[in-house]
N, C-alpha and C. Protein backbone atom coordinates (compact mmCIF):
# COMPACT_ATOMS: atom_id res chain seq x y z
N UNK A 1 19.12 73.30 27.42
CA UNK A 1 17.71 73.55 27.16
C UNK A 1 17.19 72.52 26.16
N UNK A 2 15.95 72.24 26.29
CA UNK A 2 15.32 71.30 25.38
C UNK A 2 14.77 72.04 24.15
N UNK A 3 14.58 71.27 23.07
CA UNK A 3 13.98 71.81 21.85
C UNK A 3 12.50 72.08 22.11
N UNK A 4 11.93 73.15 21.65
CA UNK A 4 12.42 74.21 20.79
C UNK A 4 12.96 75.44 21.55
N UNK A 5 12.99 75.36 22.89
CA UNK A 5 13.47 76.51 23.67
C UNK A 5 14.93 76.82 23.33
N UNK A 6 15.75 75.78 23.11
CA UNK A 6 17.15 76.01 22.77
C UNK A 6 17.28 76.78 21.45
N UNK A 7 16.50 76.38 20.46
CA UNK A 7 16.51 77.07 19.16
C UNK A 7 16.02 78.51 19.30
N UNK A 8 14.91 78.68 19.98
CA UNK A 8 14.33 80.01 20.12
C UNK A 8 15.27 80.95 20.87
N UNK A 9 15.95 80.42 21.88
CA UNK A 9 16.91 81.23 22.63
C UNK A 9 18.08 81.64 21.74
N UNK A 10 18.63 80.70 20.99
CA UNK A 10 19.75 81.02 20.10
C UNK A 10 19.37 82.07 19.08
N UNK A 11 18.21 81.93 18.50
CA UNK A 11 17.76 82.91 17.50
C UNK A 11 17.47 84.27 18.13
N UNK A 12 16.92 84.28 19.33
CA UNK A 12 16.65 85.54 20.02
C UNK A 12 17.95 86.27 20.36
N UNK A 13 18.95 85.53 20.82
CA UNK A 13 20.25 86.15 21.12
C UNK A 13 20.87 86.72 19.85
N UNK A 14 20.81 85.98 18.77
CA UNK A 14 21.34 86.51 17.51
C UNK A 14 20.63 87.80 17.11
N UNK A 15 19.32 87.86 17.32
CA UNK A 15 18.57 89.06 16.97
C UNK A 15 18.97 90.25 17.86
N UNK A 16 19.19 90.00 19.13
CA UNK A 16 19.65 91.05 20.04
C UNK A 16 21.00 91.60 19.57
N UNK A 17 21.87 90.72 19.15
CA UNK A 17 23.18 91.14 18.63
C UNK A 17 22.98 92.04 17.41
N UNK A 18 22.13 91.62 16.48
CA UNK A 18 21.86 92.43 15.27
C UNK A 18 21.24 93.78 15.65
N UNK A 19 20.28 93.76 16.56
CA UNK A 19 19.59 94.98 16.96
C UNK A 19 20.54 96.00 17.59
N UNK A 20 21.67 95.53 18.06
CA UNK A 20 22.65 96.41 18.69
C UNK A 20 23.85 96.71 17.79
N UNK A 21 23.66 96.46 16.49
CA UNK A 21 24.65 96.87 15.51
C UNK A 21 25.84 95.95 15.31
N UNK A 22 25.76 94.73 15.82
CA UNK A 22 26.86 93.79 15.63
C UNK A 22 26.40 92.63 14.75
N UNK A 23 27.33 91.81 14.36
CA UNK A 23 27.03 90.67 13.49
C UNK A 23 27.16 89.40 14.31
N UNK A 24 26.06 88.64 14.45
CA UNK A 24 26.16 87.39 15.20
C UNK A 24 26.93 86.35 14.40
N UNK A 25 27.67 85.52 15.12
CA UNK A 25 28.44 84.45 14.48
C UNK A 25 28.45 83.26 15.42
N UNK A 26 27.31 82.61 15.56
CA UNK A 26 27.22 81.44 16.42
C UNK A 26 28.19 80.38 15.92
N UNK A 27 28.90 79.76 16.86
CA UNK A 27 29.97 78.81 16.52
C UNK A 27 29.56 77.40 16.91
N UNK A 28 29.83 76.45 16.01
CA UNK A 28 29.59 75.03 16.29
C UNK A 28 30.41 74.21 15.31
N UNK A 29 30.33 72.90 15.45
CA UNK A 29 30.96 71.98 14.51
C UNK A 29 29.85 71.15 13.89
N UNK A 30 29.81 71.13 12.57
CA UNK A 30 28.81 70.35 11.85
C UNK A 30 29.52 69.37 10.91
N UNK A 31 29.25 68.11 11.11
CA UNK A 31 29.84 67.05 10.30
C UNK A 31 31.37 67.18 10.23
N UNK A 32 31.97 67.52 11.36
CA UNK A 32 33.42 67.62 11.45
C UNK A 32 34.02 68.87 10.88
N UNK A 33 33.20 69.88 10.62
CA UNK A 33 33.69 71.15 10.07
C UNK A 33 33.31 72.27 11.03
N UNK A 34 34.31 73.09 11.40
CA UNK A 34 34.05 74.24 12.25
C UNK A 34 33.27 75.26 11.45
N UNK A 35 32.16 75.73 12.03
CA UNK A 35 31.36 76.77 11.38
C UNK A 35 31.27 77.97 12.31
N UNK A 36 31.66 79.11 11.78
CA UNK A 36 31.57 80.37 12.51
C UNK A 36 30.52 81.20 11.78
N UNK A 37 29.34 81.30 12.37
CA UNK A 37 28.22 81.97 11.73
C UNK A 37 27.24 80.94 11.20
N UNK A 38 26.47 80.36 12.09
CA UNK A 38 25.50 79.33 11.69
C UNK A 38 24.31 79.94 10.97
N UNK A 39 23.75 79.18 10.05
CA UNK A 39 22.50 79.57 9.41
C UNK A 39 21.34 79.19 10.32
N UNK A 40 20.16 79.66 9.99
CA UNK A 40 18.96 79.27 10.75
C UNK A 40 18.77 77.75 10.67
N UNK A 41 19.02 77.19 9.49
CA UNK A 41 18.89 75.73 9.33
C UNK A 41 19.90 74.98 10.20
N UNK A 42 21.13 75.52 10.32
CA UNK A 42 22.14 74.89 11.18
C UNK A 42 21.68 74.90 12.63
N UNK A 43 21.17 76.04 13.07
CA UNK A 43 20.70 76.16 14.45
C UNK A 43 19.53 75.22 14.70
N UNK A 44 18.63 75.15 13.74
CA UNK A 44 17.48 74.23 13.85
C UNK A 44 17.97 72.79 13.97
N UNK A 45 18.91 72.41 13.14
CA UNK A 45 19.43 71.03 13.14
C UNK A 45 20.08 70.69 14.48
N UNK A 46 20.99 71.55 14.95
CA UNK A 46 21.65 71.27 16.22
C UNK A 46 20.67 71.28 17.38
N UNK A 47 19.71 72.18 17.32
CA UNK A 47 18.72 72.27 18.40
C UNK A 47 17.86 71.01 18.47
N UNK A 48 17.43 70.51 17.31
CA UNK A 48 16.60 69.29 17.28
C UNK A 48 17.39 68.07 17.72
N UNK A 49 18.64 67.97 17.25
CA UNK A 49 19.46 66.80 17.59
C UNK A 49 19.85 66.79 19.05
N UNK A 50 20.08 67.97 19.61
CA UNK A 50 20.47 68.05 21.02
C UNK A 50 21.63 67.16 21.34
N UNK A 51 21.56 66.51 22.49
CA UNK A 51 22.66 65.68 22.97
C UNK A 51 22.73 64.33 22.28
N UNK A 52 21.72 63.99 21.50
CA UNK A 52 21.69 62.68 20.86
C UNK A 52 22.80 62.56 19.81
N UNK A 53 22.91 63.55 18.93
CA UNK A 53 23.90 63.48 17.85
C UNK A 53 24.91 64.62 17.88
N UNK A 54 25.03 65.29 19.00
CA UNK A 54 25.93 66.42 19.10
C UNK A 54 26.69 66.33 20.41
N UNK A 55 28.00 66.46 20.33
CA UNK A 55 28.83 66.38 21.53
C UNK A 55 29.10 67.79 22.06
N UNK A 56 29.10 67.93 23.37
CA UNK A 56 29.48 69.18 24.02
C UNK A 56 31.00 69.28 23.93
N UNK A 57 31.50 70.35 23.31
CA UNK A 57 32.93 70.44 23.01
C UNK A 57 33.63 71.55 23.78
N UNK A 58 34.46 71.13 24.70
CA UNK A 58 35.42 72.04 25.29
C UNK A 58 36.65 72.01 24.38
N UNK A 59 37.66 72.77 24.70
CA UNK A 59 38.86 72.81 23.86
C UNK A 59 39.42 71.40 23.65
N UNK A 60 39.44 70.58 24.69
CA UNK A 60 40.05 69.25 24.59
C UNK A 60 39.31 68.33 23.63
N UNK A 61 38.02 68.59 23.37
CA UNK A 61 37.19 67.71 22.55
C UNK A 61 37.25 68.02 21.06
N UNK A 62 37.77 69.18 20.71
CA UNK A 62 37.67 69.64 19.33
C UNK A 62 38.31 68.69 18.32
N UNK A 63 39.54 68.26 18.56
CA UNK A 63 40.23 67.39 17.60
C UNK A 63 39.46 66.08 17.40
N UNK A 64 38.94 65.52 18.49
CA UNK A 64 38.19 64.27 18.41
C UNK A 64 36.95 64.42 17.54
N UNK A 65 36.18 65.48 17.79
CA UNK A 65 34.94 65.71 17.05
C UNK A 65 35.25 66.02 15.58
N UNK A 66 36.28 66.79 15.33
CA UNK A 66 36.66 67.08 13.94
C UNK A 66 37.10 65.82 13.21
N UNK A 67 37.96 65.02 13.84
CA UNK A 67 38.49 63.81 13.20
C UNK A 67 37.40 62.79 12.91
N UNK A 68 36.40 62.71 13.77
CA UNK A 68 35.32 61.74 13.58
C UNK A 68 34.14 62.30 12.79
N UNK A 69 34.29 63.54 12.33
CA UNK A 69 33.26 64.19 11.51
C UNK A 69 31.90 64.23 12.22
N UNK A 70 31.98 64.56 13.51
CA UNK A 70 30.78 64.63 14.35
C UNK A 70 30.24 66.06 14.39
N UNK A 71 29.12 66.22 15.07
CA UNK A 71 28.57 67.53 15.37
C UNK A 71 28.95 67.89 16.80
N UNK A 72 29.17 69.18 17.03
CA UNK A 72 29.50 69.60 18.37
C UNK A 72 29.05 71.02 18.65
N UNK A 73 28.45 71.19 19.82
CA UNK A 73 28.17 72.54 20.31
C UNK A 73 29.31 72.87 21.27
N UNK A 74 29.70 74.13 21.32
CA UNK A 74 30.90 74.49 22.06
C UNK A 74 30.60 75.07 23.44
N UNK A 75 31.43 74.68 24.39
CA UNK A 75 31.41 75.29 25.72
C UNK A 75 32.05 76.67 25.61
N UNK A 76 32.11 77.40 26.71
CA UNK A 76 32.78 78.69 26.71
C UNK A 76 34.25 78.52 26.30
N UNK A 77 34.93 77.53 26.86
CA UNK A 77 36.34 77.30 26.51
C UNK A 77 36.49 76.98 25.02
N UNK A 78 35.65 76.11 24.51
CA UNK A 78 35.71 75.78 23.08
C UNK A 78 35.39 76.96 22.20
N UNK A 79 34.38 77.73 22.59
CA UNK A 79 34.01 78.92 21.81
C UNK A 79 35.12 79.95 21.82
N UNK A 80 35.72 80.18 22.99
CA UNK A 80 36.82 81.16 23.07
C UNK A 80 37.96 80.77 22.13
N UNK A 81 38.34 79.51 22.17
CA UNK A 81 39.44 79.02 21.35
C UNK A 81 39.13 79.23 19.86
N UNK A 82 37.95 78.83 19.43
CA UNK A 82 37.57 78.95 18.02
C UNK A 82 37.34 80.40 17.62
N UNK A 83 36.74 81.19 18.50
CA UNK A 83 36.53 82.61 18.21
C UNK A 83 37.87 83.31 17.99
N UNK A 84 38.83 83.02 18.83
CA UNK A 84 40.15 83.61 18.69
C UNK A 84 40.78 83.23 17.35
N UNK A 85 40.64 81.97 16.97
CA UNK A 85 41.17 81.53 15.67
C UNK A 85 40.51 82.28 14.51
N UNK A 86 39.23 82.63 14.69
CA UNK A 86 38.47 83.32 13.63
C UNK A 86 38.62 84.84 13.70
N UNK A 87 39.38 85.34 14.68
CA UNK A 87 39.57 86.78 14.80
C UNK A 87 38.44 87.50 15.51
N UNK A 88 37.58 86.76 16.19
CA UNK A 88 36.47 87.36 16.95
C UNK A 88 37.02 87.74 18.33
N UNK A 89 36.80 88.97 18.73
CA UNK A 89 37.37 89.48 19.97
C UNK A 89 36.41 89.48 21.16
N UNK A 90 35.12 89.20 20.91
CA UNK A 90 34.13 89.30 21.98
C UNK A 90 32.98 88.36 21.67
N UNK A 91 32.46 87.69 22.69
CA UNK A 91 31.22 86.94 22.49
C UNK A 91 30.39 86.92 23.76
N UNK A 92 29.15 86.53 23.60
CA UNK A 92 28.21 86.49 24.71
C UNK A 92 27.76 85.04 24.92
N UNK A 93 27.55 84.71 26.18
CA UNK A 93 27.07 83.38 26.54
C UNK A 93 26.17 83.51 27.75
N UNK A 94 25.54 82.44 28.16
CA UNK A 94 24.70 82.46 29.35
C UNK A 94 25.57 82.56 30.59
N UNK A 95 26.12 81.46 31.01
CA UNK A 95 26.99 81.44 32.19
C UNK A 95 28.26 80.67 31.88
N UNK A 96 29.30 80.99 32.64
CA UNK A 96 30.56 80.27 32.48
C UNK A 96 30.66 79.18 33.53
N UNK A 97 31.53 78.22 33.28
CA UNK A 97 31.82 77.20 34.28
C UNK A 97 32.70 77.80 35.36
N UNK A 98 32.94 77.05 36.40
CA UNK A 98 33.76 77.56 37.50
C UNK A 98 34.32 76.44 38.34
N UNK A 99 34.65 76.77 39.57
CA UNK A 99 35.15 75.80 40.52
C UNK A 99 33.95 75.09 41.15
N UNK A 100 33.95 73.77 41.07
CA UNK A 100 32.84 73.00 41.63
C UNK A 100 32.99 72.88 43.14
N UNK A 101 31.86 72.74 43.80
CA UNK A 101 31.90 72.53 45.24
C UNK A 101 32.63 71.22 45.52
N UNK A 102 33.48 71.26 46.53
CA UNK A 102 34.28 70.08 46.86
C UNK A 102 35.52 69.94 46.00
N UNK A 103 35.87 70.96 45.24
CA UNK A 103 37.02 70.88 44.33
C UNK A 103 38.34 70.64 45.07
N UNK A 104 38.38 70.96 46.36
CA UNK A 104 39.61 70.70 47.11
C UNK A 104 39.91 69.21 47.19
N UNK A 105 38.90 68.36 46.99
CA UNK A 105 39.11 66.91 46.92
C UNK A 105 39.08 66.39 45.48
N UNK A 106 38.20 66.95 44.66
CA UNK A 106 37.99 66.40 43.31
C UNK A 106 38.80 67.08 42.22
N UNK A 107 39.29 68.29 42.49
CA UNK A 107 39.98 69.11 41.48
C UNK A 107 39.08 69.42 40.29
N UNK A 108 37.77 69.42 40.49
CA UNK A 108 36.82 69.68 39.41
C UNK A 108 36.69 71.19 39.20
N UNK A 109 37.45 71.66 38.23
CA UNK A 109 37.48 73.07 37.87
C UNK A 109 37.25 73.16 36.37
N UNK A 110 36.28 73.95 35.96
CA UNK A 110 35.93 74.07 34.55
C UNK A 110 37.10 74.57 33.72
N UNK A 111 37.25 74.00 32.54
CA UNK A 111 38.26 74.46 31.58
C UNK A 111 38.00 75.89 31.14
N UNK A 112 36.76 76.36 31.32
CA UNK A 112 36.43 77.75 30.97
C UNK A 112 37.35 78.72 31.69
N UNK A 113 37.66 78.44 32.95
CA UNK A 113 38.46 79.38 33.74
C UNK A 113 39.89 79.49 33.22
N UNK A 114 40.49 78.37 32.87
CA UNK A 114 41.85 78.40 32.32
C UNK A 114 41.85 79.12 30.97
N UNK A 115 40.85 78.84 30.16
CA UNK A 115 40.76 79.48 28.84
C UNK A 115 40.62 81.00 28.99
N UNK A 116 39.83 81.43 29.97
CA UNK A 116 39.67 82.87 30.22
C UNK A 116 41.01 83.53 30.54
N UNK A 117 41.91 82.77 31.13
CA UNK A 117 43.20 83.33 31.53
C UNK A 117 44.22 83.39 30.40
N UNK A 118 43.99 82.67 29.32
CA UNK A 118 45.04 82.62 28.29
C UNK A 118 44.60 82.97 26.88
N UNK A 119 43.32 83.10 26.64
CA UNK A 119 42.84 83.39 25.29
C UNK A 119 42.30 84.82 25.24
N UNK A 120 42.82 85.65 24.33
CA UNK A 120 42.44 87.07 24.30
C UNK A 120 41.09 87.33 23.63
N UNK A 121 40.04 86.82 24.26
CA UNK A 121 38.67 87.04 23.79
C UNK A 121 37.84 87.46 24.99
N UNK A 122 37.11 88.56 24.87
CA UNK A 122 36.24 89.01 25.94
C UNK A 122 34.97 88.20 25.98
N UNK A 123 34.49 87.89 27.18
CA UNK A 123 33.28 87.09 27.35
C UNK A 123 32.27 87.88 28.19
N UNK A 124 31.11 88.12 27.60
CA UNK A 124 30.01 88.76 28.32
C UNK A 124 29.08 87.63 28.75
N UNK A 125 28.80 87.57 30.05
CA UNK A 125 27.97 86.47 30.55
C UNK A 125 27.18 86.90 31.77
N UNK A 126 26.36 85.99 32.26
CA UNK A 126 25.54 86.23 33.45
C UNK A 126 26.21 85.63 34.68
N UNK A 127 27.52 85.61 34.71
CA UNK A 127 28.26 85.06 35.84
C UNK A 127 28.47 83.57 35.70
N UNK A 128 28.84 82.95 36.82
CA UNK A 128 29.03 81.50 36.83
C UNK A 128 27.70 80.83 37.17
N UNK A 129 27.62 79.58 36.83
CA UNK A 129 26.41 78.83 37.16
C UNK A 129 26.26 78.75 38.68
N UNK A 130 25.06 78.93 39.15
CA UNK A 130 24.79 79.08 40.58
C UNK A 130 25.08 77.83 41.41
N UNK A 131 25.22 76.68 40.80
CA UNK A 131 25.52 75.45 41.54
C UNK A 131 27.00 75.34 41.90
N UNK A 132 27.81 76.27 41.41
CA UNK A 132 29.25 76.21 41.62
C UNK A 132 29.67 76.94 42.89
N UNK A 133 30.92 76.79 43.26
CA UNK A 133 31.48 77.47 44.42
C UNK A 133 31.95 78.85 43.96
N UNK A 134 31.11 79.85 44.19
CA UNK A 134 31.39 81.19 43.67
C UNK A 134 32.62 81.82 44.32
N UNK A 135 32.80 81.77 45.64
CA UNK A 135 34.03 82.36 46.20
C UNK A 135 35.31 81.72 45.65
N UNK A 136 35.31 80.40 45.52
CA UNK A 136 36.50 79.73 44.98
C UNK A 136 36.70 80.08 43.50
N UNK A 137 35.61 80.22 42.77
CA UNK A 137 35.71 80.61 41.36
C UNK A 137 36.33 82.01 41.25
N UNK A 138 35.85 82.94 42.05
CA UNK A 138 36.40 84.30 42.02
C UNK A 138 37.87 84.30 42.43
N UNK A 139 38.23 83.49 43.40
CA UNK A 139 39.63 83.39 43.82
C UNK A 139 40.49 82.81 42.70
N UNK A 140 39.99 81.78 42.03
CA UNK A 140 40.73 81.18 40.92
C UNK A 140 40.94 82.21 39.80
N UNK A 141 39.90 82.95 39.47
CA UNK A 141 40.02 83.97 38.42
C UNK A 141 41.04 85.03 38.81
N UNK A 142 41.05 85.43 40.08
CA UNK A 142 42.05 86.39 40.54
C UNK A 142 43.45 85.81 40.39
N UNK A 143 43.64 84.58 40.82
CA UNK A 143 44.95 83.93 40.73
C UNK A 143 45.43 83.85 39.29
N UNK A 144 44.50 83.63 38.36
CA UNK A 144 44.86 83.48 36.95
C UNK A 144 44.93 84.83 36.22
N UNK A 145 44.66 85.93 36.94
CA UNK A 145 44.79 87.26 36.34
C UNK A 145 43.63 87.65 35.44
N UNK A 146 42.46 87.07 35.67
CA UNK A 146 41.29 87.38 34.85
C UNK A 146 40.48 88.49 35.52
N UNK A 147 40.32 89.63 34.86
CA UNK A 147 39.51 90.69 35.47
C UNK A 147 38.03 90.32 35.46
N UNK A 148 37.38 90.50 36.59
CA UNK A 148 35.95 90.23 36.72
C UNK A 148 35.26 91.59 36.83
N UNK A 149 34.40 91.88 35.87
CA UNK A 149 33.77 93.19 35.76
C UNK A 149 32.25 93.02 35.73
N UNK A 150 31.56 93.78 36.54
CA UNK A 150 30.10 93.82 36.46
C UNK A 150 29.68 95.13 35.82
N UNK A 151 28.62 95.06 35.05
CA UNK A 151 28.09 96.23 34.35
C UNK A 151 26.99 96.87 35.17
N UNK A 152 27.21 98.12 35.53
CA UNK A 152 26.24 98.91 36.30
C UNK A 152 25.87 98.27 37.64
N UNK A 153 26.78 97.52 38.22
CA UNK A 153 26.52 96.86 39.50
C UNK A 153 27.85 96.58 40.19
N UNK A 154 27.80 96.55 41.52
CA UNK A 154 28.97 96.13 42.30
C UNK A 154 28.92 94.63 42.58
N UNK A 155 27.77 94.02 42.30
CA UNK A 155 27.55 92.61 42.63
C UNK A 155 27.95 91.68 41.49
N UNK A 156 28.48 90.53 41.88
CA UNK A 156 28.79 89.48 40.92
C UNK A 156 27.53 88.62 40.73
N UNK A 157 27.05 88.47 39.49
CA UNK A 157 25.83 87.68 39.27
C UNK A 157 26.09 86.18 39.39
N UNK A 158 25.02 85.42 39.55
CA UNK A 158 25.18 83.96 39.56
C UNK A 158 24.21 83.29 38.59
N UNK A 159 24.27 83.72 37.37
CA UNK A 159 23.56 83.12 36.25
C UNK A 159 22.07 83.43 36.24
N UNK A 160 21.34 83.02 37.28
CA UNK A 160 19.90 83.26 37.30
C UNK A 160 19.50 84.53 38.04
N UNK A 161 20.41 85.07 38.85
CA UNK A 161 20.09 86.26 39.61
C UNK A 161 21.19 87.31 39.44
N UNK A 162 20.82 88.57 39.63
CA UNK A 162 21.76 89.68 39.44
C UNK A 162 22.82 89.74 40.52
N UNK A 163 22.57 89.15 41.66
CA UNK A 163 23.55 89.18 42.74
C UNK A 163 23.72 87.81 43.36
N UNK A 164 24.98 87.41 43.47
CA UNK A 164 25.31 86.14 44.11
C UNK A 164 25.57 86.33 45.60
N UNK A 165 25.60 87.60 46.03
CA UNK A 165 25.98 87.89 47.41
C UNK A 165 27.46 88.19 47.53
N UNK A 166 28.17 88.14 46.41
CA UNK A 166 29.60 88.45 46.38
C UNK A 166 29.82 89.66 45.48
N UNK A 167 30.86 90.39 45.76
CA UNK A 167 31.17 91.60 45.01
C UNK A 167 32.06 91.28 43.82
N UNK A 168 31.85 92.02 42.74
CA UNK A 168 32.77 91.96 41.60
C UNK A 168 34.00 92.77 41.95
N UNK A 169 35.08 92.45 41.30
CA UNK A 169 36.32 93.17 41.52
C UNK A 169 36.24 94.57 40.90
N UNK A 170 35.67 94.63 39.70
CA UNK A 170 35.58 95.89 38.97
C UNK A 170 34.14 96.16 38.56
N UNK A 171 33.87 97.44 38.31
CA UNK A 171 32.55 97.87 37.87
C UNK A 171 32.75 98.84 36.70
N UNK A 172 31.94 98.66 35.66
CA UNK A 172 31.88 99.61 34.56
C UNK A 172 30.43 100.07 34.43
N UNK A 173 30.24 101.36 34.19
CA UNK A 173 28.88 101.91 34.15
C UNK A 173 28.41 102.30 32.76
N UNK A 174 29.29 102.28 31.78
CA UNK A 174 28.89 102.65 30.43
C UNK A 174 29.47 101.65 29.43
N UNK A 175 28.84 101.54 28.27
CA UNK A 175 29.42 100.68 27.24
C UNK A 175 30.83 101.14 26.85
N UNK A 176 31.07 102.44 26.89
CA UNK A 176 32.39 102.96 26.53
C UNK A 176 33.46 102.50 27.53
N UNK A 177 33.11 102.50 28.82
CA UNK A 177 34.06 102.00 29.83
C UNK A 177 34.38 100.53 29.58
N UNK A 178 33.33 99.76 29.29
CA UNK A 178 33.54 98.33 29.02
C UNK A 178 34.43 98.15 27.81
N UNK A 179 34.15 98.86 26.73
CA UNK A 179 34.94 98.75 25.50
C UNK A 179 36.38 99.14 25.76
N UNK A 180 36.60 100.20 26.52
CA UNK A 180 37.94 100.65 26.81
C UNK A 180 38.72 99.58 27.59
N UNK A 181 38.05 98.93 28.51
CA UNK A 181 38.70 97.89 29.29
C UNK A 181 39.08 96.69 28.42
N UNK A 182 38.17 96.32 27.51
CA UNK A 182 38.43 95.19 26.62
C UNK A 182 39.59 95.50 25.67
N UNK A 183 39.66 96.73 25.21
CA UNK A 183 40.69 97.13 24.25
C UNK A 183 42.07 97.33 24.89
N UNK A 184 42.10 97.46 26.22
CA UNK A 184 43.38 97.70 26.90
C UNK A 184 44.23 96.45 27.01
């Protein structure tokens, strides 16, 4: 997203988290330092700088950005890794990466999927990005042992819409069911 929509969205999500009794802890790297729980000024700075002075950081990028004392916003994989290090068990994001169309030739599969299979952090999201190969993404998640759960729906979302046309493997209808599944 472009500025100021990126800033406004980040602040709105943090407010939703607060309104629901949790503590927001937006994660990023500023001047080579991992920060868990950005200030409004931090969010403003990263939002204004955007891609010009901030690198998109998956797990593989973290050491590089830290060593060079750069700024970095984290992908789902990067956020999961850092959240786990900080003892955070759950986070929310827009959409996760997935298997790209044509991956049978390119092997273009988001690091988010591998991270979901090995890092014990729950991710609440709006599904995978709609430009991806949703059936292959769901198959990959199954192969990697990642439970795919939809809330109050049998349909798997595709980021911008509530239904991708594919079914979720599991359905939970209450926050308590979701919490129980995450805690198991």
